[in-house]
Protein backbone atom coordinates (compact mmCIF):
# COMPACT_ATOMS: atom_id res chain seq x y z
CA MET A 1 73.19 123.00 25.15
CA SER A 2 74.26 123.00 28.80
CA ALA A 3 71.63 123.70 31.36
CA ALA A 4 70.95 127.26 32.17
CA GLY A 5 72.20 126.59 35.63
CA THR A 6 75.62 125.28 34.57
CA PRO A 7 78.45 127.77 34.08
CA LEU A 8 81.36 126.84 31.85
CA THR A 9 85.07 127.36 32.43
CA SER A 10 86.40 130.78 31.44
CA SER A 11 88.65 131.02 28.42
CA LYS A 12 92.11 132.52 28.50
CA ALA A 13 91.74 134.01 25.02
CA ALA A 14 93.03 137.54 24.64
CA MET A 15 90.54 140.35 25.11
CA PRO A 16 89.77 142.24 21.87
CA LYS A 17 91.41 145.65 21.43
CA ALA A 18 88.11 147.57 21.43
CA ALA A 19 87.03 145.85 24.65
CA MET A 20 90.40 146.74 26.19
CA VAL A 21 89.84 150.42 25.35
CA VAL A 22 86.38 150.23 26.92
CA ALA A 23 87.90 148.68 30.07
CA ALA A 24 90.62 151.34 30.18
CA SER A 25 88.06 154.14 29.82
CA ALA A 26 85.93 152.68 32.61
CA ALA A 27 89.07 152.44 34.73
CA MET A 28 89.84 156.11 34.14
CA MET A 29 86.32 157.01 35.26
CA GLY A 30 86.92 154.95 38.39
CA LEU A 31 90.16 156.87 39.00
CA LEU A 32 88.27 160.16 38.81
CA TYR A 33 85.59 158.88 41.18
CA GLY A 34 88.17 157.69 43.70
CA TYR A 35 90.28 160.85 43.50
CA ASP A 36 87.30 163.03 44.27
CA ASN A 37 86.38 160.89 47.28
CA GLY A 38 89.97 160.92 48.50
CA ASN A 39 90.76 164.62 48.23
CA ILE A 40 87.66 165.99 49.94
CA GLY A 41 88.83 164.83 53.40
CA GLY A 42 92.13 166.66 53.01
CA ALA A 43 90.59 169.69 51.32
CA ALA A 44 88.06 170.02 54.15
CA LEU A 45 90.90 170.61 56.60
CA PHE A 46 91.68 173.82 54.71
CA PHE A 47 88.49 175.20 53.15
CA LYS A 48 86.91 175.07 56.59
CA GLY A 49 89.27 177.81 57.78
CA ASP A 50 89.61 179.65 54.48
CA LEU A 51 85.84 180.03 54.03
CA GLY A 52 85.11 180.32 57.77
CA LEU A 53 82.87 177.25 58.00
CA THR A 54 81.61 175.45 61.11
CA THR A 55 81.77 171.66 61.52
CA ALA A 56 78.09 171.43 60.54
CA GLN A 57 78.75 173.48 57.40
CA VAL A 58 81.67 171.25 56.46
CA SER A 59 79.35 168.25 56.79
CA THR A 60 76.80 170.02 54.59
CA VAL A 61 79.40 170.68 51.88
CA ALA A 62 80.73 167.11 52.10
CA THR A 63 77.18 165.77 51.83
CA ALA A 64 76.29 167.95 48.82
CA ILE A 65 78.09 165.62 46.44
CA VAL A 66 76.28 162.62 47.93
CA TRP A 67 72.89 164.27 47.40
CA GLY A 68 73.91 164.91 43.80
CA GLU A 69 75.03 161.31 43.42
CA LEU A 70 71.72 160.10 44.82
CA ILE A 71 69.70 162.10 42.30
CA GLY A 72 72.08 161.27 39.45
CA ALA A 73 71.86 157.56 40.21
CA PHE A 74 68.06 157.71 40.56
CA PHE A 75 67.69 159.09 37.02
CA GLY A 76 70.80 157.32 35.71
CA GLY A 77 68.90 154.33 34.37
CA TRP A 78 66.50 156.53 32.43
CA VAL A 79 69.32 158.70 31.05
CA SER A 80 71.39 155.66 30.07
CA ASN A 81 68.43 154.15 28.23
CA ARG A 82 67.42 157.43 26.59
CA LEU A 83 70.82 158.76 25.48
CA GLY A 84 72.76 155.52 25.31
CA ARG A 85 75.58 154.23 27.48
CA ARG A 86 78.35 156.04 25.54
CA LYS A 87 76.65 159.44 25.43
CA ALA A 88 75.84 159.17 29.13
CA ILE A 89 79.50 158.77 30.07
CA LEU A 90 80.40 161.63 27.72
CA VAL A 91 78.05 163.80 29.79
CA VAL A 92 79.76 162.50 32.91
CA ALA A 93 83.26 163.40 31.71
CA ALA A 94 82.11 166.88 30.68
CA GLY A 95 80.44 167.31 34.09
CA TYR A 96 83.66 166.37 35.87
CA LEU A 97 85.60 168.88 33.81
CA VAL A 98 83.28 171.82 34.50
CA CYS A 99 82.37 171.10 38.12
CA CYS A 100 85.90 170.42 39.31
CA LEU A 101 86.96 173.80 37.95
CA THR A 102 84.01 175.61 39.54
CA SER A 103 84.70 173.84 42.87
CA ALA A 104 88.23 175.19 42.78
CA ALA A 105 86.97 178.70 42.07
CA SER A 106 84.31 178.79 44.83
CA GLN A 107 84.33 181.84 47.12
CA ASN A 108 81.82 180.81 49.76
CA GLU A 109 79.96 177.86 51.25
CA TRP A 110 77.06 177.92 48.80
CA GLN A 111 79.17 178.21 45.66
CA LEU A 112 81.20 175.25 46.84
CA TRP A 113 78.01 173.38 47.80
CA ALA A 114 76.49 173.97 44.34
CA SER A 115 79.66 172.88 42.53
CA ARG A 116 79.91 169.74 44.61
CA PHE A 117 76.21 169.01 44.14
CA PHE A 118 76.39 169.19 40.34
CA LEU A 119 79.60 167.18 40.39
CA GLY A 120 77.62 164.62 42.38
CA LEU A 121 74.99 164.52 39.63
CA ALA A 122 77.73 163.60 37.15
CA ILE A 123 79.17 160.99 39.50
CA GLY A 124 75.74 159.48 40.18
CA LEU A 125 75.15 159.09 36.46
CA SER A 126 78.62 157.58 36.06
CA LEU A 127 77.86 154.96 38.73
CA ILE A 128 75.06 153.70 36.47
CA ALA A 129 76.40 154.32 32.98
CA VAL A 130 80.02 153.20 33.36
CA PRO A 131 79.38 149.68 34.76
CA LEU A 132 76.58 149.21 32.19
CA PHE A 133 78.84 150.32 29.37
CA ALA A 134 81.64 148.02 30.52
CA ALA A 135 79.41 145.00 31.23
CA GLU A 136 77.71 145.20 27.84
CA SER A 137 80.95 145.80 25.91
CA VAL A 138 83.32 143.06 27.11
CA PRO A 139 83.19 139.23 26.81
CA ALA A 140 81.50 137.34 29.64
CA ARG A 141 84.70 135.47 30.51
CA VAL A 142 86.37 138.69 31.74
CA ARG A 143 83.31 140.70 32.78
CA GLY A 144 83.89 140.26 36.52
CA ARG A 145 87.51 141.39 36.31
CA VAL A 146 86.69 144.42 34.18
CA LEU A 147 83.97 145.53 36.58
CA VAL A 148 86.22 145.06 39.60
CA LEU A 149 88.92 147.04 37.75
CA TYR A 150 86.62 150.04 38.23
CA GLN A 151 86.97 149.59 42.01
CA VAL A 152 90.74 149.02 41.66
CA MET A 153 91.08 152.38 39.96
CA ALA A 154 88.66 154.03 42.40
CA THR A 155 90.87 152.86 45.25
CA SER A 156 93.96 154.06 43.36
CA GLY A 157 92.22 157.41 42.93
CA LEU A 158 91.64 157.59 46.68
CA ILE A 159 95.36 157.16 47.24
CA VAL A 160 96.24 159.79 44.65
CA GLY A 161 93.73 162.16 46.24
CA TYR A 162 95.24 161.67 49.68
CA LEU A 163 98.80 162.09 48.38
CA PHE A 164 98.00 165.29 46.51
CA SER A 165 96.25 166.59 49.61
CA ALA A 166 99.31 165.77 51.74
CA GLY A 167 101.71 167.29 49.22
CA LEU A 168 99.71 170.50 49.02
CA SER A 169 98.96 170.78 52.74
CA GLU A 170 102.01 172.97 53.44
CA ALA A 171 101.13 175.40 50.65
CA ASP A 172 99.12 178.59 51.04
CA PRO A 173 95.86 177.49 52.77
CA ASN A 174 93.93 179.98 50.65
CA TYR A 175 94.85 178.08 47.48
CA ASN A 176 95.93 174.53 48.32
CA TRP A 177 92.41 173.14 48.67
CA ARG A 178 91.46 174.79 45.37
CA ILE A 179 94.25 172.93 43.59
CA MET A 180 93.24 169.68 45.30
CA LEU A 181 89.67 169.95 44.02
CA GLY A 182 90.54 171.34 40.59
CA LEU A 183 93.11 168.74 39.56
CA ALA A 184 90.41 166.18 38.69
CA ALA A 185 89.53 168.29 35.66
CA LEU A 186 92.77 167.24 33.94
CA PRO A 187 92.07 163.49 33.48
CA ALA A 188 88.48 164.34 32.50
CA ALA A 189 89.81 166.54 29.69
CA ILE A 190 92.09 163.70 28.54
CA LEU A 191 89.27 161.15 28.64
CA LEU A 192 86.71 163.08 26.56
CA PRO A 193 88.32 162.57 23.11
CA ILE A 194 88.87 158.87 23.88
CA LEU A 195 85.19 158.39 24.72
CA LEU A 196 84.17 159.99 21.44
CA ARG A 197 85.86 157.11 19.57
CA LEU A 198 84.24 154.26 21.48
CA PRO A 199 81.27 152.30 20.04
CA GLU A 200 77.85 152.22 21.66
CA THR A 201 76.91 148.88 23.22
CA ALA A 202 75.21 146.27 21.07
CA ASN A 203 72.48 145.77 23.66
CA TRP A 204 71.43 149.43 23.61
CA LEU A 205 71.62 149.65 19.82
CA LEU A 206 69.41 146.59 19.52
CA MET A 207 66.93 148.10 21.98
CA LYS A 208 66.68 151.08 19.62
CA GLY A 209 66.17 148.90 16.54
CA ARG A 210 69.64 149.54 15.10
CA ARG A 211 70.50 145.92 14.37
CA GLU A 212 73.25 146.52 11.81
CA ASP A 213 75.03 148.93 14.14
CA ALA A 214 74.72 146.40 16.95
CA ALA A 215 76.32 143.72 14.79
CA ALA A 216 79.17 146.09 13.93
CA THR A 217 79.76 146.78 17.63
CA LEU A 218 79.91 143.05 18.42
CA ARG A 219 82.49 142.52 15.68
CA ARG A 220 84.66 145.19 17.34
CA THR A 221 84.25 144.26 20.98
CA ASP A 222 84.11 140.44 20.75
CA PRO A 223 85.22 139.08 17.34
CA GLY A 224 85.04 135.49 18.63
CA VAL A 225 81.23 135.63 18.80
CA ASP A 226 78.89 135.05 15.85
CA PRO A 227 77.11 138.44 15.81
CA GLU A 228 73.93 137.16 14.17
CA GLN A 229 73.51 134.39 16.70
CA ALA A 230 74.31 136.70 19.63
CA LEU A 231 71.83 139.31 18.39
CA ALA A 232 69.14 136.68 17.91
CA GLU A 233 69.58 135.60 21.52
CA MET A 234 69.48 139.22 22.73
CA GLU A 235 66.24 139.75 20.78
CA ALA A 236 64.74 136.62 22.31
CA ALA A 237 65.73 137.77 25.79
CA HIS A 238 64.23 141.24 25.19
CA ALA A 239 60.99 139.66 23.96
CA ASP A 240 60.78 137.55 27.12
CA GLU A 241 60.98 140.66 29.31
CA SER A 242 57.50 141.97 28.42
CA GLY A 243 58.87 145.30 27.24
CA GLY A 244 61.25 145.85 30.14
CA MET A 245 59.23 148.66 31.72
CA ILE A 246 59.97 149.73 35.28
CA ARG A 247 56.75 148.13 36.48
CA GLU A 248 58.18 144.73 35.56
CA MET A 249 60.69 145.17 38.39
CA PHE A 250 57.81 145.10 40.88
CA ARG A 251 56.17 141.95 39.54
CA LYS A 252 57.16 138.34 39.78
CA PRO A 253 59.67 136.95 38.96
CA TYR A 254 61.77 140.15 39.09
CA LEU A 255 60.35 141.49 42.34
CA ARG A 256 62.81 139.18 44.11
CA ALA A 257 65.66 140.73 42.11
CA THR A 258 64.47 144.25 42.96
CA VAL A 259 64.29 143.49 46.68
CA PHE A 260 67.78 142.00 46.50
CA VAL A 261 69.47 144.92 44.72
CA VAL A 262 67.80 147.60 46.85
CA SER A 263 68.66 145.84 50.11
CA PHE A 264 72.16 145.00 48.90
CA GLY A 265 72.79 148.59 47.84
CA PHE A 266 71.63 149.97 51.19
CA PHE A 267 73.78 147.53 53.18
CA ILE A 268 76.89 148.49 51.20
CA GLN A 269 77.03 152.02 52.61
CA ILE A 270 75.10 151.83 55.88
CA THR A 271 77.93 149.70 57.29
CA GLY A 272 79.94 152.93 57.43
CA VAL A 273 82.89 152.56 55.09
CA ASN A 274 82.59 156.11 53.74
CA ALA A 275 82.74 157.48 57.26
CA ALA A 276 86.33 156.20 57.33
CA VAL A 277 87.02 157.57 53.82
CA THR A 278 85.39 161.01 53.94
CA TYR A 279 86.42 161.75 57.51
CA GLY A 280 89.59 159.64 57.60
CA PRO A 281 91.98 162.55 58.26
CA GLN A 282 89.76 163.80 61.10
CA LEU A 283 89.68 160.30 62.65
CA PHE A 284 93.45 160.02 62.50
CA LYS A 285 93.87 163.46 64.05
CA SER A 286 91.65 162.29 66.91
CA MET A 287 94.07 159.37 67.37
CA GLY A 288 96.92 161.73 68.16
CA PHE A 289 98.38 162.20 64.69
CA SER A 290 98.61 165.92 65.22
CA SER A 291 99.81 167.38 61.90
CA ASP A 292 97.56 167.67 58.85
CA VAL A 293 100.19 166.00 56.65
CA GLU A 294 100.52 163.04 59.01
CA ALA A 295 96.76 162.54 59.26
CA ILE A 296 96.31 162.68 55.48
CA LEU A 297 99.23 160.32 54.84
CA MET A 298 97.78 157.80 57.29
CA GLY A 299 94.60 157.83 55.23
CA ALA A 300 96.64 157.20 52.09
CA PHE A 301 98.52 154.37 53.81
CA VAL A 302 95.21 152.68 54.66
CA GLN A 303 94.21 152.84 51.00
CA VAL A 304 97.46 151.14 49.94
CA PHE A 305 96.34 148.05 51.85
CA ALA A 306 92.87 148.41 50.34
CA LEU A 307 94.37 148.59 46.85
CA ALA A 308 96.22 145.32 47.40
CA ALA A 309 92.97 143.70 48.58
CA VAL A 310 90.91 144.84 45.59
CA VAL A 311 93.61 143.66 43.16
CA VAL A 312 93.36 140.19 44.73
CA SER A 313 89.58 140.39 44.38
CA MET A 314 89.91 141.35 40.71
CA ILE A 315 92.28 138.45 40.00
CA TYR A 316 90.13 135.78 41.63
CA ILE A 317 86.53 136.94 41.16
CA ASP A 318 86.10 135.02 37.89
CA ARG A 319 87.76 131.93 39.44
CA TRP A 320 86.34 131.75 42.96
CA GLY A 321 82.97 133.30 42.19
CA ARG A 322 81.02 136.27 43.50
CA ARG A 323 79.70 134.87 46.78
CA PRO A 324 83.00 133.65 48.32
CA ILE A 325 84.64 137.00 47.57
CA LEU A 326 81.71 138.93 49.02
CA LEU A 327 81.28 136.89 52.20
CA THR A 328 85.01 136.99 52.92
CA GLY A 329 85.14 140.76 52.48
CA ILE A 330 82.19 141.44 54.78
CA SER A 331 83.70 139.19 57.46
CA ILE A 332 86.95 141.20 57.36
CA LEU A 333 84.91 144.42 57.49
CA ILE A 334 83.18 143.26 60.69
CA VAL A 335 86.53 142.45 62.33
CA GLY A 336 87.77 145.95 61.44
CA GLN A 337 84.68 147.65 62.87
CA VAL A 338 84.93 145.70 66.13
CA LEU A 339 88.67 146.37 66.46
CA SER A 340 88.10 150.09 65.86
CA ALA A 341 85.36 150.22 68.48
CA ALA A 342 87.48 148.30 70.99
CA THR A 343 90.48 150.57 70.42
CA PHE A 344 88.51 153.78 70.92
CA ALA A 345 86.99 152.27 74.08
CA THR A 346 90.44 151.85 75.67
CA VAL A 347 91.49 155.49 75.17
CA HIS A 348 91.14 157.90 78.08
CA GLY A 349 90.80 161.50 77.03
CA ASP A 350 93.10 162.54 74.18
CA HIS A 351 96.06 160.43 75.25
CA TRP A 352 96.90 157.72 72.72
CA THR A 353 99.73 155.26 73.26
CA ARG A 354 101.67 153.94 70.28
CA ILE A 355 100.00 150.52 70.67
CA GLN A 356 96.57 152.13 70.59
CA GLN A 357 97.50 154.12 67.47
CA VAL A 358 98.65 150.93 65.75
CA ALA A 359 95.42 149.17 66.75
CA GLY A 360 93.34 152.12 65.58
CA PHE A 361 95.15 152.16 62.24
CA ALA A 362 94.72 148.39 61.89
CA GLY A 363 90.99 148.67 62.57
CA LEU A 364 90.43 151.35 59.92
CA ALA A 365 92.68 149.46 57.49
CA LEU A 366 90.67 146.25 57.95
CA VAL A 367 87.44 148.19 57.37
CA GLN A 368 88.80 149.41 54.04
CA ILE A 369 90.34 146.06 53.09
CA GLY A 370 87.14 144.16 53.85
CA PHE A 371 84.99 146.68 52.03
CA VAL A 372 86.94 146.87 48.77
CA PHE A 373 87.52 143.10 48.70
CA GLY A 374 83.81 142.37 49.07
CA PHE A 375 81.19 145.11 48.81
CA GLY A 376 83.40 147.55 46.91
CA SER A 377 84.19 145.01 44.20
CA LEU A 378 80.78 143.35 43.96
CA VAL A 379 78.66 146.50 43.88
CA TRP A 380 79.66 147.10 40.26
CA VAL A 381 79.28 143.42 39.39
CA TYR A 382 75.78 142.97 40.82
CA ALA A 383 74.72 146.42 39.59
CA SER A 384 75.40 145.20 36.05
CA GLU A 385 74.47 141.53 36.36
CA ALA A 386 71.33 141.39 38.49
CA PHE A 387 68.83 142.24 35.74
CA PRO A 388 68.61 141.18 32.11
CA GLY A 389 68.35 143.32 29.00
CA ARG A 390 66.03 146.29 29.04
CA MET A 391 65.63 146.28 32.82
CA ARG A 392 69.38 146.38 33.43
CA ALA A 393 69.70 150.16 33.51
CA TYR A 394 66.76 150.50 35.89
CA GLY A 395 68.03 147.71 38.13
CA THR A 396 71.46 149.32 38.27
CA SER A 397 69.81 152.62 39.13
CA ALA A 398 67.78 151.01 41.94
CA LEU A 399 70.87 149.43 43.51
CA LEU A 400 73.02 152.55 43.35
CA THR A 401 70.19 154.81 44.53
CA ALA A 402 69.76 152.68 47.66
CA ASP A 403 73.54 152.68 48.09
CA LEU A 404 73.73 156.46 47.88
CA LEU A 405 70.71 157.01 50.14
CA ALA A 406 72.61 155.15 52.85
CA ASN A 407 75.71 157.18 51.97
CA VAL A 408 73.78 160.42 52.54
CA ILE A 409 72.89 159.21 56.03
CA ILE A 410 76.53 158.31 56.76
CA ALA A 411 77.99 161.54 55.37
CA GLN A 412 75.48 163.81 57.08
CA PHE A 413 75.35 162.26 60.55
CA THR A 414 78.66 160.50 61.25
CA LEU A 415 80.49 163.52 62.69
CA ILE A 416 77.40 164.54 64.64
CA ALA A 417 77.01 161.00 66.04
CA ILE A 418 80.69 160.86 67.00
CA ASP A 419 80.42 164.20 68.82
CA ARG A 420 77.34 163.03 70.72
CA PHE A 421 77.96 159.32 71.36
CA GLY A 422 81.68 158.79 70.72
CA GLN A 423 83.64 156.71 68.23
CA THR A 424 83.16 153.46 70.13
CA ALA A 425 79.36 153.52 69.91
CA VAL A 426 79.39 154.56 66.25
CA PHE A 427 81.74 151.76 65.17
CA LEU A 428 79.79 149.19 67.20
CA VAL A 429 76.61 150.19 65.38
CA PHE A 430 78.46 149.82 62.06
CA ALA A 431 79.63 146.35 63.13
CA VAL A 432 76.10 145.22 63.99
CA LEU A 433 74.81 146.47 60.65
CA ALA A 434 77.63 144.61 58.89
CA VAL A 435 76.58 141.37 60.61
CA PHE A 436 73.06 141.83 59.24
CA ALA A 437 74.59 142.46 55.81
CA LEU A 438 76.58 139.22 56.04
CA LEU A 439 73.47 137.21 56.89
CA PHE A 440 71.52 138.86 54.06
CA VAL A 441 74.20 138.13 51.46
CA ALA A 442 74.60 134.53 52.62
CA LYS A 443 70.87 133.99 52.16
CA PHE A 444 70.03 135.90 48.98
CA ALA A 445 73.06 136.77 46.81
CA PRO A 446 73.17 134.81 43.52
CA GLU A 447 76.34 133.29 42.10
CA THR A 448 76.68 134.72 38.55
CA LYS A 449 80.25 133.70 37.71
CA GLY A 450 80.76 132.97 34.00
CA ARG A 451 77.12 133.33 33.03
CA PRO A 452 76.01 135.43 30.04
CA LEU A 453 74.08 138.51 31.09
CA ASP A 454 70.91 137.33 29.38
CA ASP A 455 70.97 133.97 31.24
CA ILE A 456 70.89 135.52 34.71
CA ARG A 457 67.14 135.94 34.40
CA PHE A 458 66.77 132.16 34.89
CA PHE A 459 67.89 132.53 38.51
CA TRP A 460 65.00 134.87 39.32
CA GLU A 461 62.51 133.01 37.16
CA ASN A 462 63.32 129.83 39.11
CA GLY A 463 62.52 131.36 42.51
CA GLY A 464 66.02 132.51 43.45
CA LYS A 465 68.02 129.42 42.54
CA TRP A 466 69.66 128.15 39.40
CA PRO A 467 67.64 125.54 37.51
CA ALA A 468 69.29 122.16 37.07
CA THR A 469 67.90 122.01 33.55
CA GLY A 470 65.78 124.30 31.46
CA ALA A 471 65.58 126.62 28.52
CA GLY A 472 68.32 129.10 27.92
CA SER A 473 71.89 129.26 26.77
CA ALA A 474 75.27 128.72 28.35
CA PRO A 475 78.48 130.62 27.83
CA THR A 476 80.91 129.33 25.25
CA ALA A 477 84.67 129.41 25.66
CA SER A 478 84.81 132.75 23.89
CA GLY A 479 82.30 134.30 26.23
CA GLY A 480 79.52 134.17 23.66
CA HIS A 481 76.55 131.82 23.46
CA LYS A 482 75.70 128.49 21.97
CA PRO A 483 72.21 127.40 21.00
CA ALA A 484 70.08 124.79 22.64
C-alpha cells in the first residue's frame, strides 16, 4: 500500500459508459443553472418596464432566486441523504420545468418573485445533489474534470442566456422577457427521462444497507474496480465516521474541515463575481453602451473568455492539482477588480472614451476569467471532496449555504451600493476581499488531486496536512483502491 498521503498518477483508461451518462446529465444541469443566471440580467431590462417596477423592486426579484438557493442548499444535504442523490436531481429537474413556466406567466412583481424563489429552491438543491451524484458516480482519476465540467456548462449556459436575451430584445417588450425566462423549461423536460434511467450512487445505497444494489452500481459506473473490495473500504470508512451525524462536523478532527468549507464558500461570492453577472448589462450600459442589445452582447462576449478559461481549468485540474488552479484564478480575479475600479475612477460624468470602454470591458472580463478558472471550478470540487462518506452531503450543504449567503448580500446590495458610493468604491472593496480570499486559500486549502474520496479524511485527521505514512488506501490506476 502507498501512504495515505501519496497520490498516484491518473490513468488514461476510457471512462465507462454509465459514468459518461452521469457526467453528461450533470453537465446539462450546469447548463440550466448557467442559463438562468445569464438571462435574468437581460430579462430585467424588460420586465422592469412591463411590470412597472422600481430599481429596488428589480433587486428584490433578482434576489428572490438567491434566497431560494440559500434555503435549498441549506436543506440540500438532508434531502440528498433522505431521498438519494438520483431522486434529488429528479426533483430539481421537475422544479426547473414548473418554475420556469410560471416565471414566464407572471403578471406582477409578487408572482414573479414567488416563481423565482421556488426556482431558487430547486437550484439550491441541485448545487448539493448534482456534484454529489457526479463525484460518487465517476472514477477518481477523472473526478476533477467531471466536476469542473459542471462549471464549463454553467458558463456556456450564461452565454446562451445572454444571446437569447439579445436576440429577443427587439421583440415585443411585453413578451420577450417571458420567452427568455420560459425557455429553460425545454432542456429540463428533455433531461427528466434520462435521469430516470441513471443508477443511484453506490455510496448512498451502502448507507441505506442496500449492498447488492451498491455492487451493481459499481459494476456499471466503474467496471475496472473490484466491487466487493471497494464496498468493504466504503464500509470501513463509514464505520470510522462515528455515524456521520451533523454534530461530527463540529468536533475534531472535522471541525477544521467545517471551518474551511464555510469560509471558502463565503469567500467565493463575497468577492463580487455575481455582481458582474447579474447586473452585467446594467454595468455595460453605464459604460456608454447605450442600446440594450449592445449591453447584453457585451455580457455574452465576457462569458466567451470565461468559457475558454474554465475549459483550460477542466483540462489541467487533474494534472496540475487543485491549489495551483485556485490560486492562479483568484490572482487574476484581483487584477480584474483593481482594473475595473481604476477605470471607473478615470471617468468624468457619463462620458466614456473608447479606451476607457476597452479597459472597463477588460476589467469585467478578467473578473469572470479569474473566477471561473479558480473559484468557479473548485467550488464543485471542494464541495464534493472536503468530507468523507456520510458527512459529504452535509459538508457540501455547509459550503454552498455559506456561498449563497454571500450571494444574497451581493445581489441585494450591489446596485444600492453603486448608487450611493459609485462603481470605483464597490470594486475596490471586492478587490480587498479577494486578497483576503487568496491568503485564506494559500493557508488552508488541501490538495486532493487523484485521491479517493474516502482517503481525504486523513488530511483532516492529521491536523490539516497529508500524513507521510499511515493507515488508509491509495488510488489505483483505474481510480479504485488497493489494500494495505
